[in-house]
Every structure is written in C-alpha cells, then in structure tokens.
C-alpha atoms as a PDB file:
ATOM      1  CA  MET A   1     243.206  76.825  25.787  1.00  0.00           C
ATOM      2  CA  SER A   2     241.365  73.582  24.972  1.00  0.00           C
ATOM      3  CA  GLU A   3     242.056  71.956  21.615  1.00  0.00           C
ATOM      4  CA  PHE A   4     238.294  71.459  21.341  1.00  0.00           C
ATOM      5  CA  GLU A   5     235.509  73.967  20.782  1.00  0.00           C
ATOM      6  CA  THR A   6     233.852  74.348  24.203  1.00  0.00           C
ATOM      7  CA  GLN A   7     231.700  77.453  23.742  1.00  0.00           C
ATOM      8  CA  LEU A   8     228.016  77.605  22.936  1.00  0.00           C
ATOM      9  CA  PHE A   9     227.035  78.584  19.394  1.00  0.00           C
ATOM     10  CA  ILE A  10     224.324  81.250  19.409  1.00  0.00           C
ATOM     11  CA  ASP A  11     223.409  83.579  16.516  1.00  0.00           C
ATOM     12  CA  ASN A  12     226.583  82.577  14.637  1.00  0.00           C
ATOM     13  CA  LYS A  13     228.803  83.525  17.584  1.00  0.00           C
ATOM     14  CA  PHE A  14     230.730  81.288  19.947  1.00  0.00           C
ATOM     15  CA  VAL A  15     230.041  82.435  23.505  1.00  0.00           C
ATOM     16  CA  ASP A  16     230.997  81.165  26.934  1.00  0.00           C
ATOM     17  CA  GLY A  17     228.265  79.274  28.709  1.00  0.00           C
ATOM     18  CA  GLN A  18     226.981  80.828  31.908  1.00  0.00           C
ATOM     19  CA  GLY A  19     225.538  77.721  33.543  1.00  0.00           C
ATOM     20  CA  GLY A  20     226.952  74.731  35.375  1.00  0.00           C
ATOM     21  CA  ILE A  21     230.082  72.906  34.266  1.00  0.00           C
ATOM     22  CA  GLU A  22     229.833  69.606  32.366  1.00  0.00           C
ATOM     23  CA  LYS A  23     232.818  67.368  31.627  1.00  0.00           C
ATOM     24  CA  ALA A  24     233.353  65.667  28.265  1.00  0.00           C
ATOM     25  CA  PHE A  25     235.285  62.412  28.656  1.00  0.00           C
ATOM     26  CA  GLU A  26     237.369  60.219  26.395  1.00  0.00           C
ATOM     27  CA  PRO A  27     235.863  56.759  27.061  1.00  0.00           C
ATOM     28  CA  ALA A  28     238.885  54.860  25.737  1.00  0.00           C
ATOM     29  CA  ARG A  29     241.119  56.339  28.415  1.00  0.00           C
ATOM     30  CA  GLY A  30     238.634  57.437  31.051  1.00  0.00           C
ATOM     31  CA  THR A  31     240.118  60.928  31.039  1.00  0.00           C
ATOM     32  CA  VAL A  32     238.532  64.367  30.749  1.00  0.00           C
ATOM     33  CA  LEU A  33     238.834  65.899  27.282  1.00  0.00           C
ATOM     34  CA  ALA A  34     237.280  69.253  28.068  1.00  0.00           C
ATOM     35  CA  GLU A  35     235.048  71.127  30.462  1.00  0.00           C
ATOM     36  CA  LEU A  36     232.077  73.040  29.108  1.00  0.00           C
ATOM     37  CA  ALA A  37     229.867  75.611  30.776  1.00  0.00           C
ATOM     38  CA  SER A  38     226.199  74.902  30.119  1.00  0.00           C
ATOM     39  CA  ALA A  39     223.716  77.387  28.732  1.00  0.00           C
ATOM     40  CA  SER A  40     221.985  79.583  31.279  1.00  0.00           C
ATOM     41  CA  PRO A  41     218.237  80.306  31.087  1.00  0.00           C
ATOM     42  CA  GLU A  42     219.101  83.682  29.555  1.00  0.00           C
ATOM     43  CA  GLN A  43     221.239  82.014  26.881  1.00  0.00           C
ATOM     44  CA  ILE A  44     218.485  79.552  26.017  1.00  0.00           C
ATOM     45  CA  GLU A  45     216.246  82.571  25.525  1.00  0.00           C
ATOM     46  CA  GLN A  46     218.893  84.201  23.335  1.00  0.00           C
ATOM     47  CA  ALA A  47     219.271  81.064  21.202  1.00  0.00           C
ATOM     48  CA  VAL A  48     215.536  80.665  20.631  1.00  0.00           C
ATOM     49  CA  SER A  49     215.125  84.374  19.890  1.00  0.00           C
ATOM     50  CA  ALA A  50     217.995  84.204  17.400  1.00  0.00           C
ATOM     51  CA  ALA A  51     216.359  81.223  15.702  1.00  0.00           C
ATOM     52  CA  GLN A  52     213.013  83.006  15.560  1.00  0.00           C
ATOM     53  CA  ARG A  53     214.592  86.054  13.914  1.00  0.00           C
ATOM     54  CA  ALA A  54     216.475  83.865  11.463  1.00  0.00           C
ATOM     55  CA  TYR A  55     213.324  81.956  10.562  1.00  0.00           C
ATOM     56  CA  GLN A  56     211.632  85.141   9.359  1.00  0.00           C
ATOM     57  CA  SER A  57     214.160  85.532   6.542  1.00  0.00           C
ATOM     58  CA  TRP A  58     215.473  81.979   6.081  1.00  0.00           C
ATOM     59  CA  SER A  59     211.958  80.652   5.481  1.00  0.00           C
ATOM     60  CA  ARG A  60     211.597  83.114   2.596  1.00  0.00           C
ATOM     61  CA  THR A  61     214.705  81.935   0.789  1.00  0.00           C
ATOM     62  CA  THR A  62     214.188  79.767  -2.269  1.00  0.00           C
ATOM     63  CA  PRO A  63     214.737  76.009  -2.264  1.00  0.00           C
ATOM     64  CA  ARG A  64     217.640  76.684  -4.615  1.00  0.00           C
ATOM     65  CA  GLU A  65     219.345  78.936  -2.041  1.00  0.00           C
ATOM     66  CA  ARG A  66     218.818  76.532   0.828  1.00  0.00           C
ATOM     67  CA  SER A  67     219.986  73.638  -1.338  1.00  0.00           C
ATOM     68  CA  ALA A  68     223.193  75.492  -2.171  1.00  0.00           C
ATOM     69  CA  ALA A  69     223.866  76.078   1.524  1.00  0.00           C
ATOM     70  CA  LEU A  70     223.394  72.403   2.374  1.00  0.00           C
ATOM     71  CA  LEU A  71     225.658  71.350  -0.488  1.00  0.00           C
ATOM     72  CA  ALA A  72     228.321  73.742   0.801  1.00  0.00           C
ATOM     73  CA  ILE A  73     228.001  72.234   4.276  1.00  0.00           C
ATOM     74  CA  ALA A  74     228.409  68.724   2.839  1.00  0.00           C
ATOM     75  CA  ALA A  75     231.536  69.765   0.943  1.00  0.00           C
ATOM     76  CA  ALA A  76     232.990  71.423   4.052  1.00  0.00           C
ATOM     77  CA  ILE A  77     232.321  68.301   6.123  1.00  0.00           C
ATOM     78  CA  GLU A  78     234.269  66.246   3.604  1.00  0.00           C
ATOM     79  CA  ALA A  79     237.089  68.785   3.546  1.00  0.00           C
ATOM     80  CA  ASN A  80     237.299  68.714   7.357  1.00  0.00           C
ATOM     81  CA  ALA A  81     236.606  64.992   7.763  1.00  0.00           C
ATOM     82  CA  ASP A  82     239.894  64.218   9.503  1.00  0.00           C
ATOM     83  CA  THR A  83     239.319  66.857  12.175  1.00  0.00           C
ATOM     84  CA  LEU A  84     235.670  65.986  12.743  1.00  0.00           C
ATOM     85  CA  ALA A  85     236.391  62.258  12.839  1.00  0.00           C
ATOM     86  CA  ALA A  86     239.166  62.705  15.386  1.00  0.00           C
ATOM     87  CA  VAL A  87     236.887  64.638  17.729  1.00  0.00           C
ATOM     88  CA  GLU A  88     234.038  62.145  17.286  1.00  0.00           C
ATOM     89  CA  SER A  89     236.357  59.193  17.859  1.00  0.00           C
ATOM     90  CA  ARG A  90     237.808  60.563  21.073  1.00  0.00           C
ATOM     91  CA  ASN A  91     234.637  61.921  22.671  1.00  0.00           C
ATOM     92  CA  ALA A  92     232.296  59.087  21.657  1.00  0.00           C
ATOM     93  CA  GLY A  93     234.822  56.274  22.090  1.00  0.00           C
ATOM     94  CA  LYS A  94     234.595  55.016  18.500  1.00  0.00           C
ATOM     95  CA  PRO A  95     237.418  53.489  16.437  1.00  0.00           C
ATOM     96  CA  LEU A  96     238.700  56.244  14.172  1.00  0.00           C
ATOM     97  CA  ARG A  97     238.580  54.080  11.041  1.00  0.00           C
ATOM     98  CA  PHE A  98     234.846  53.436  11.537  1.00  0.00           C
ATOM     99  CA  VAL A  99     234.091  57.122  12.001  1.00  0.00           C
ATOM    100  CA  LYS A 100     236.050  58.194   8.919  1.00  0.00           C
ATOM    101  CA  ALA A 101     235.009  55.394   6.567  1.00  0.00           C
ATOM    102  CA  GLY A 102     231.398  55.117   7.643  1.00  0.00           C
ATOM    103  CA  GLU A 103     229.831  57.814   9.743  1.00  0.00           C
ATOM    104  CA  LEU A 104     231.471  60.960   8.344  1.00  0.00           C
ATOM    105  CA  VAL A 105     230.640  59.833   4.819  1.00  0.00           C
ATOM    106  CA  ASN A 106     227.011  59.511   5.854  1.00  0.00           C
ATOM    107  CA  VAL A 107     226.980  62.839   7.700  1.00  0.00           C
ATOM    108  CA  ALA A 108     227.989  64.636   4.502  1.00  0.00           C
ATOM    109  CA  ASP A 109     225.556  62.550   2.469  1.00  0.00           C
ATOM    110  CA  VAL A 110     222.633  63.505   4.732  1.00  0.00           C
ATOM    111  CA  PHE A 111     223.142  67.191   3.945  1.00  0.00           C
ATOM    112  CA  ARG A 112     223.575  66.394   0.261  1.00  0.00           C
ATOM    113  CA  PHE A 113     220.419  64.264   0.239  1.00  0.00           C
ATOM    114  CA  TYR A 114     218.227  66.999   1.720  1.00  0.00           C
ATOM    115  CA  ALA A 115     219.822  69.582  -0.537  1.00  0.00           C
ATOM    116  CA  THR A 116     218.334  67.581  -3.397  1.00  0.00           C
ATOM    117  CA  ALA A 117     215.074  66.670  -1.666  1.00  0.00           C
ATOM    118  CA  VAL A 118     214.091  70.272  -0.982  1.00  0.00           C
ATOM    119  CA  ARG A 119     214.160  70.993  -4.715  1.00  0.00           C
ATOM    120  CA  ASN A 120     211.866  68.075  -5.483  1.00  0.00           C
ATOM    121  CA  MET A 121     208.950  68.683  -3.136  1.00  0.00           C
ATOM    122  CA  PRO A 122     205.587  68.094  -4.840  1.00  0.00           C
ATOM    123  CA  ALA A 123     202.696  70.496  -4.337  1.00  0.00           C
ATOM    124  CA  THR A 124     199.713  68.613  -5.655  1.00  0.00           C
ATOM    125  CA  ALA A 125     196.646  70.492  -6.796  1.00  0.00           C
ATOM    126  CA  SER A 126     193.415  68.912  -5.607  1.00  0.00           C
ATOM    127  CA  GLY A 127     189.896  69.110  -6.952  1.00  0.00           C
ATOM    128  CA  ASN A 128     188.106  72.432  -7.206  1.00  0.00           C
ATOM    129  CA  TYR A 129     185.520  72.812  -4.476  1.00  0.00           C
ATOM    130  CA  ARG A 130     183.991  75.995  -5.818  1.00  0.00           C
ATOM    131  CA  ALA A 131     183.631  77.242  -9.347  1.00  0.00           C
ATOM    132  CA  GLY A 132     186.417  79.563 -10.419  1.00  0.00           C
ATOM    133  CA  LEU A 133     188.720  78.566  -7.552  1.00  0.00           C
ATOM    134  CA  THR A 134     191.632  76.103  -7.431  1.00  0.00           C
ATOM    135  CA  SER A 135     192.706  74.259  -4.283  1.00  0.00           C
ATOM    136  CA  MET A 136     196.384  73.484  -3.885  1.00  0.00           C
ATOM    137  CA  MET A 137     198.929  72.338  -1.332  1.00  0.00           C
ATOM    138  CA  ARG A 138     201.499  74.876  -0.179  1.00  0.00           C
ATOM    139  CA  ARG A 139     204.563  73.874   1.851  1.00  0.00           C
ATOM    140  CA  ASP A 140     205.854  76.302   4.460  1.00  0.00           C
ATOM    141  CA  GLY A 141     208.361  76.012   7.268  1.00  0.00           C
ATOM    142  CA  ILE A 142     207.125  75.432  10.798  1.00  0.00           C
ATOM    143  CA  GLY A 143     209.327  77.859  12.718  1.00  0.00           C
ATOM    144  CA  VAL A 144     211.821  77.190  15.496  1.00  0.00           C
ATOM    145  CA  VAL A 145     212.633  73.501  15.943  1.00  0.00           C
ATOM    146  CA  ALA A 146     214.133  72.371  19.253  1.00  0.00           C
ATOM    147  CA  GLN A 147     216.271  69.253  18.836  1.00  0.00           C
ATOM    148  CA  ILE A 148     217.889  66.892  21.338  1.00  0.00           C
ATOM    149  CA  ALA A 149     220.542  64.547  19.954  1.00  0.00           C
ATOM    150  CA  PRO A 150     221.864  61.353  21.603  1.00  0.00           C
ATOM    151  CA  TRP A 151     225.355  60.188  22.468  1.00  0.00           C
ATOM    152  CA  ASN A 152     225.623  57.000  20.392  1.00  0.00           C
ATOM    153  CA  TYR A 153     225.972  58.790  17.013  1.00  0.00           C
ATOM    154  CA  PRO A 154     226.560  62.431  17.960  1.00  0.00           C
ATOM    155  CA  LEU A 155     227.309  63.834  14.502  1.00  0.00           C
ATOM    156  CA  LEU A 156     225.154  61.544  12.402  1.00  0.00           C
ATOM    157  CA  MET A 157     222.035  61.945  14.538  1.00  0.00           C
ATOM    158  CA  ALA A 158     222.538  65.703  14.644  1.00  0.00           C
ATOM    159  CA  ALA A 159     222.805  65.749  10.847  1.00  0.00           C
ATOM    160  CA  TRP A 160     219.591  63.753  10.513  1.00  0.00           C
ATOM    161  CA  LYS A 161     217.831  66.373  12.607  1.00  0.00           C
ATOM    162  CA  ILE A 162     219.420  69.588  11.358  1.00  0.00           C
ATOM    163  CA  ALA A 163     219.545  68.966   7.592  1.00  0.00           C
ATOM    164  CA  PRO A 164     215.829  68.350   6.898  1.00  0.00           C
ATOM    165  CA  ALA A 165     214.768  71.106   9.288  1.00  0.00           C
ATOM    166  CA  ILE A 166     216.832  73.859   7.705  1.00  0.00           C
ATOM    167  CA  ALA A 167     216.247  72.532   4.191  1.00  0.00           C
ATOM    168  CA  ALA A 168     212.533  73.107   4.760  1.00  0.00           C
ATOM    169  CA  GLY A 169     213.159  76.688   5.873  1.00  0.00           C
ATOM    170  CA  ASN A 170     213.075  76.221   9.631  1.00  0.00           C
ATOM    171  CA  ALA A 171     215.600  77.441  12.209  1.00  0.00           C
ATOM    172  CA  VAL A 172     217.115  75.136  14.818  1.00  0.00           C
ATOM    173  CA  VAL A 173     218.241  75.151  18.423  1.00  0.00           C
ATOM    174  CA  ILE A 174     219.911  71.818  19.111  1.00  0.00           C
ATOM    175  CA  LYS A 175     221.195  70.372  22.372  1.00  0.00           C
ATOM    176  CA  PRO A 176     223.752  67.575  22.031  1.00  0.00           C
ATOM    177  CA  SER A 177     224.105  64.987  24.744  1.00  0.00           C
ATOM    178  CA  GLU A 178     226.045  66.395  27.670  1.00  0.00           C
ATOM    179  CA  TYR A 179     228.339  63.370  27.281  1.00  0.00           C
ATOM    180  CA  THR A 180     229.276  63.994  23.634  1.00  0.00           C
ATOM    181  CA  PRO A 181     228.993  67.692  22.717  1.00  0.00           C
ATOM    182  CA  LEU A 182     232.413  68.234  21.155  1.00  0.00           C
ATOM    183  CA  SER A 183     231.914  67.040  17.580  1.00  0.00           C
ATOM    184  CA  LEU A 184     228.713  69.042  17.073  1.00  0.00           C
ATOM    185  CA  LEU A 185     230.454  72.170  18.354  1.00  0.00           C
ATOM    186  CA  ALA A 186     233.243  71.454  15.859  1.00  0.00           C
ATOM    187  CA  LEU A 187     230.612  71.163  13.116  1.00  0.00           C
ATOM    188  CA  ALA A 188     229.186  74.510  14.228  1.00  0.00           C
ATOM    189  CA  ARG A 189     232.369  76.152  12.946  1.00  0.00           C
ATOM    190  CA  ILE A 190     231.231  75.103   9.468  1.00  0.00           C
ATOM    191  CA  PHE A 191     227.722  76.438  10.078  1.00  0.00           C
ATOM    192  CA  ALA A 192     229.232  79.783  11.101  1.00  0.00           C
ATOM    193  CA  GLU A 193     230.932  80.106   7.723  1.00  0.00           C
ATOM    194  CA  ILE A 194     227.978  79.103   5.558  1.00  0.00           C
ATOM    195  CA  LEU A 195     224.633  79.781   7.221  1.00  0.00           C
ATOM    196  CA  PRO A 196     223.056  83.129   8.123  1.00  0.00           C
ATOM    197  CA  PRO A 197     223.078  84.030  11.829  1.00  0.00           C
ATOM    198  CA  GLY A 198     220.576  82.116  13.953  1.00  0.00           C
ATOM    199  CA  VAL A 199     219.639  79.399  11.478  1.00  0.00           C
ATOM    200  CA  VAL A 200     221.418  76.800  13.634  1.00  0.00           C
ATOM    201  CA  ASN A 201     222.219  77.324  17.316  1.00  0.00           C
ATOM    202  CA  VAL A 202     223.925  74.845  19.660  1.00  0.00           C
ATOM    203  CA  VAL A 203     223.318  74.950  23.403  1.00  0.00           C
ATOM    204  CA  CYS A 204     224.948  72.509  25.812  1.00  0.00           C
ATOM    205  CA  GLY A 205     223.970  71.120  29.170  1.00  0.00           C
ATOM    206  CA  SER A 206     221.848  68.515  30.877  1.00  0.00           C
ATOM    207  CA  GLY A 207     218.320  67.583  29.967  1.00  0.00           C
ATOM    208  CA  LEU A 208     216.911  69.035  33.175  1.00  0.00           C
ATOM    209  CA  ASP A 209     218.788  72.340  33.088  1.00  0.00           C
ATOM    210  CA  VAL A 210     218.822  73.014  29.346  1.00  0.00           C
ATOM    211  CA  GLY A 211     216.668  70.482  27.490  1.00  0.00           C
ATOM    212  CA  GLN A 212     213.491  71.013  29.507  1.00  0.00           C
ATOM    213  CA  PRO A 213     213.394  74.828  29.286  1.00  0.00           C
ATOM    214  CA  LEU A 214     214.299  74.607  25.604  1.00  0.00           C
ATOM    215  CA  ILE A 215     211.441  72.316  24.616  1.00  0.00           C
ATOM    216  CA  SER A 216     209.022  74.277  26.829  1.00  0.00           C
ATOM    217  CA  HIS A 217     209.787  77.633  25.220  1.00  0.00           C
ATOM    218  CA  ASP A 218     206.726  79.361  23.763  1.00  0.00           C
ATOM    219  CA  LEU A 219     208.463  80.142  20.446  1.00  0.00           C
ATOM    220  CA  VAL A 220     209.391  76.506  19.790  1.00  0.00           C
ATOM    221  CA  ARG A 221     206.977  75.038  17.262  1.00  0.00           C
ATOM    222  CA  MET A 222     208.391  71.521  16.960  1.00  0.00           C
ATOM    223  CA  ILE A 223     210.492  69.192  19.113  1.00  0.00           C
ATOM    224  CA  SER A 224     212.724  66.415  17.778  1.00  0.00           C
ATOM    225  CA  LEU A 225     214.144  63.926  20.255  1.00  0.00           C
ATOM    226  CA  THR A 226     216.197  60.786  19.997  1.00  0.00           C
ATOM    227  CA  GLY A 227     216.368  59.375  23.506  1.00  0.00           C
ATOM    228  CA  ASP A 228     214.709  57.189  26.080  1.00  0.00           C
ATOM    229  CA  VAL A 229     211.017  56.729  26.821  1.00  0.00           C
ATOM    230  CA  ARG A 230     211.150  58.821  29.999  1.00  0.00           C
ATOM    231  CA  THR A 231     212.478  61.805  28.073  1.00  0.00           C
ATOM    232  CA  GLY A 232     209.888  61.164  25.377  1.00  0.00           C
ATOM    233  CA  ARG A 233     207.138  61.530  27.977  1.00  0.00           C
ATOM    234  CA  ALA A 234     208.618  64.868  29.048  1.00  0.00           C
ATOM    235  CA  VAL A 235     208.626  66.021  25.421  1.00  0.00           C
ATOM    236  CA  LEU A 236     204.986  65.046  24.943  1.00  0.00           C
ATOM    237  CA  ALA A 237     204.028  66.865  28.132  1.00  0.00           C
ATOM    238  CA  ALA A 238     205.808  70.003  26.918  1.00  0.00           C
ATOM    239  CA  ALA A 239     204.237  69.639  23.475  1.00  0.00           C
ATOM    240  CA  ALA A 240     200.737  69.434  24.929  1.00  0.00           C
ATOM    241  CA  GLY A 241     200.961  72.809  26.629  1.00  0.00           C
ATOM    242  CA  PRO A 242     198.954  75.930  25.785  1.00  0.00           C
ATOM    243  CA  MET A 243     200.322  75.878  22.232  1.00  0.00           C
ATOM    244  CA  ILE A 244     200.430  72.326  20.891  1.00  0.00           C
ATOM    245  CA  LYS A 245     203.840  71.631  19.353  1.00  0.00           C
ATOM    246  CA  ARG A 246     204.656  69.086  16.682  1.00  0.00           C
ATOM    247  CA  THR A 247     206.886  66.244  17.794  1.00  0.00           C
ATOM    248  CA  HIS A 248     209.308  63.791  16.228  1.00  0.00           C
ATOM    249  CA  LEU A 249     210.273  61.080  18.695  1.00  0.00           C
ATOM    250  CA  GLU A 250     212.698  58.205  18.242  1.00  0.00           C
ATOM    251  CA  LEU A 251     212.670  56.394  21.558  1.00  0.00           C
ATOM    252  CA  GLY A 252     214.761  53.350  20.749  1.00  0.00           C
ATOM    253  CA  GLY A 253     213.528  49.850  20.162  1.00  0.00           C
ATOM    254  CA  LYS A 254     214.334  46.196  19.981  1.00  0.00           C
ATOM    255  CA  ALA A 255     215.252  44.707  16.625  1.00  0.00           C
ATOM    256  CA  PRO A 256     214.113  41.070  16.432  1.00  0.00           C
ATOM    257  CA  VAL A 257     215.753  38.482  14.208  1.00  0.00           C
ATOM    258  CA  ILE A 258     213.437  35.680  13.067  1.00  0.00           C
ATOM    259  CA  VAL A 259     215.234  32.443  12.182  1.00  0.00           C
ATOM    260  CA  CYS A 260     213.384  29.781  10.204  1.00  0.00           C
ATOM    261  CA  ALA A 261     214.227  26.088  10.291  1.00  0.00           C
ATOM    262  CA  ASP A 262     216.013  26.134   6.914  1.00  0.00           C
ATOM    263  CA  ALA A 263     218.258  29.152   7.695  1.00  0.00           C
ATOM    264  CA  ASP A 264     222.005  29.067   7.026  1.00  0.00           C
ATOM    265  CA  LEU A 265     223.128  29.292  10.647  1.00  0.00           C
ATOM    266  CA  ASP A 266     226.787  29.929   9.891  1.00  0.00           C
ATOM    267  CA  LYS A 267     225.875  32.857   7.682  1.00  0.00           C
ATOM    268  CA  LEU A 268     223.403  34.100  10.304  1.00  0.00           C
ATOM    269  CA  VAL A 269     225.970  34.040  13.107  1.00  0.00           C
ATOM    270  CA  ALA A 270     228.498  35.851  10.931  1.00  0.00           C
ATOM    271  CA  THR A 271     225.875  38.485  10.133  1.00  0.00           C
ATOM    272  CA  LEU A 272     225.039  38.949  13.805  1.00  0.00           C
ATOM    273  CA  ARG A 273     228.668  39.829  14.459  1.00  0.00           C
ATOM    274  CA  GLU A 274     227.971  43.259  12.988  1.00  0.00           C
ATOM    275  CA  ALA A 275     224.214  43.472  13.420  1.00  0.00           C
ATOM    276  CA  SER A 276     224.418  42.893  17.172  1.00  0.00           C
ATOM    277  CA  PHE A 277     227.755  44.358  18.187  1.00  0.00           C
ATOM    278  CA  TYR A 278     228.509  47.248  15.819  1.00  0.00           C
ATOM    279  CA  ASN A 279     229.003  50.475  17.779  1.00  0.00           C
ATOM    280  CA  ALA A 280     229.292  48.345  20.922  1.00  0.00           C
ATOM    281  CA  GLY A 281     225.648  47.397  20.463  1.00  0.00           C
ATOM    282  CA  GLN A 282     224.538  51.002  21.104  1.00  0.00           C
ATOM    283  CA  ASP A 283     222.280  51.202  18.094  1.00  0.00           C
ATOM    284  CA  CYS A 284     218.504  51.441  17.823  1.00  0.00           C
ATOM    285  CA  THR A 285     218.555  48.679  15.199  1.00  0.00           C
ATOM    286  CA  ALA A 286     220.979  46.382  17.016  1.00  0.00           C
ATOM    287  CA  ALA A 287     219.891  42.749  16.623  1.00  0.00           C
ATOM    288  CA  CYS A 288     219.342  42.005  20.295  1.00  0.00           C
ATOM    289  CA  ARG A 289     216.471  39.504  20.198  1.00  0.00           C
ATOM    290  CA  ILE A 290     216.479  36.256  18.254  1.00  0.00           C
ATOM    291  CA  PHE A 291     213.380  34.125  17.664  1.00  0.00           C
ATOM    292  CA  ALA A 292     214.383  30.746  16.269  1.00  0.00           C
ATOM    293  CA  ASP A 293     212.422  27.711  15.155  1.00  0.00           C
ATOM    294  CA  LYS A 294     212.606  25.214  18.006  1.00  0.00           C
ATOM    295  CA  THR A 295     214.063  22.539  15.725  1.00  0.00           C
ATOM    296  CA  ILE A 296     217.279  24.527  15.254  1.00  0.00           C
ATOM    297  CA  ALA A 297     217.262  26.691  18.387  1.00  0.00           C
ATOM    298  CA  GLN A 298     219.852  24.737  20.374  1.00  0.00           C
ATOM    299  CA  LYS A 299     222.191  24.435  17.398  1.00  0.00           C
ATOM    300  CA  LEU A 300     221.962  28.198  16.903  1.00  0.00           C
ATOM    301  CA  ILE A 301     222.652  28.828  20.597  1.00  0.00           C
ATOM    302  CA  ASP A 302     225.776  26.669  20.451  1.00  0.00           C
ATOM    303  CA  LYS A 303     227.090  28.424  17.330  1.00  0.00           C
ATOM    304  CA  ALA A 304     226.327  31.865  18.718  1.00  0.00           C
ATOM    305  CA  ARG A 305     228.054  31.015  22.007  1.00  0.00           C
ATOM    306  CA  ASP A 306     231.196  29.845  20.215  1.00  0.00           C
ATOM    307  CA  HIS A 307     231.239  32.968  18.087  1.00  0.00           C
ATOM    308  CA  GLY A 308     230.690  35.198  21.101  1.00  0.00           C
ATOM    309  CA  GLN A 309     233.628  33.629  22.899  1.00  0.00           C
ATOM    310  CA  LYS A 310     235.851  34.416  19.911  1.00  0.00           C
ATOM    311  CA  LEU A 311     234.791  38.062  20.300  1.00  0.00           C
ATOM    312  CA  GLY A 312     235.828  37.948  23.936  1.00  0.00           C
ATOM    313  CA  LEU A 313     232.276  37.906  25.282  1.00  0.00           C
ATOM    314  CA  ARG A 314     231.521  36.129  28.505  1.00  0.00           C
ATOM    315  CA  ARG A 315     228.231  35.082  29.979  1.00  0.00           C
ATOM    316  CA  ALA A 316     227.125  37.443  32.741  1.00  0.00           C
END
C-alpha cells in the first residue's frame, strides 16, 4: 500500500479512480512516489452531482456555521502540518523548511481569513425606487464551482480557491495538477472529518481527460483556473456555452522591476535573490524583467551577473 493517499475524494469517500494511470514524481530524486488512477467520465459526473446535492443544504447554512468549519480546517492543518509539509516537499520538489515555515502557515491562514470574512459581508441597502418598498443587496452562493489548481504551489493555490468558495456557501469539485496531486489528497482527509459530504470533491487526471469535461459540465456555475493562456482559452470557450458560467482566471504574468538612476543597486540585487529565484522562479510574481535607467544599466548588469554566479547560475 502506498504511503500517500492515491484515491479520488468524492462525496466524502475515498474511491479508486477508474481512468488512466498518472504517475506522481519526486523531482529531487527523479523517482515515482505513487501511481494514481484518474477519474472516469462517470466519476466526474458523480463528483459534480455530489457537489450539487451538497450545495442545496450547505448554501443554507449560516455564515457562523461555515466560519466554524473553516476555522476547524485551519486548526487541523496546523495540527497536521508536518505530514502535509512532507508530502508537499516531496511531490512538488520544495525544501521542507520553506514549506513548513512559509507555505503551510499561509494555507491555514487562508482558511482562517475567509472564516472571518464571511461573517463581515456587507449588504448595503440602496435607494427606494417605489414608495413603500426597500431595495437591498442579498448575497447568495453561486452553486457548483469547478477549480483547476497548478503545480507550483499545490496546497496554497488550492486553499485560495477552496476557502472563499465554500465560505460563500458554494460546493467545489477541484482538479489538482496531474504532476502534484498528493498534498491536496492528503488535505482531503481533513475535509472528510469536518465538512458535510460533497462540499469539496477532488478528482485527479489530465486537463484533457478530466479538466475539460469537468468545466464543461452543465451543473458547473463557475470555473476557477490558475494555469497557462491556452488553458484559459479553453475555460472561456466552455464558459460561453449554452449556460454562461462565471470565470476566475489567473493566467500568469511577468513582474517588471523598474530601477531609477538613484537606486541602491546592492540592496536591489540582494532583493532580487528572493524576488526572482524563490520557488525556483516558478511564481506568477517572480521578478523576471528589469527596466533600468540607462545611466546605471551596465553597473546593474555587472552586479547581477556576479550575484548570479554566486548562486551557481550560468549564462545559457
């Protein structure tokens, strides 16, 4: 038996996938950590149906009840931080100390943040348009939210997607990257203990075999993707079908650094050490473009080159 959770999580049950086999690797060693069977079309249907059933009751819970659930999840993440961090470190190829000291702390904090936010949602009354009547804003859940998480921050990005969705009363079917599914499946063990059946479901597999049918499902009311532009186009195409779906797309970007003539170049280069290379540079805010005043450009290039060589970087 694998030391990792390798089953799909549907309706609060761990079930064997019925689709093709995907391998989860340990990048540091180049070895296979686990093999996972992907979700079949029937299992995608089961996951979405479970989420739709859960939404009917979960959306009627009070903000206080949903807040309590999110706080319990945050506490459980902290209590199981060593286990979660170890899985994340091995499957995503991250130094364990960075996962424990940085990312896991933030994963718990995301759930705690939205536990508080859901109890502080304003509902502003607007002007009366007809005598004797009052107009007001009412906040309701959307329904089933299909989510696709990336491989660079498997747990943290999943938390950013799941926490606000379920805090608002929605139900979720999330597909982790086929490269890094193990930590989210480990987190699903916590969901199984705290959340009602169907509120969060985890299906694994490739974008073509699992992601595409998931986002195209008629019961899905919103799609959240963190990925590349090509996948974003596929999401928009699926969202523009017979029933227009809401979308939340984070398609990466380039973070420019603007350097003025009077900048402290030594401090800048030291800052770029983390801003450019943290998480091996696989970060949507990685400082990967530098625009420098021409009067100091060459001096900056020389300092950056020297610093890069100390990091073991070589010019391609």
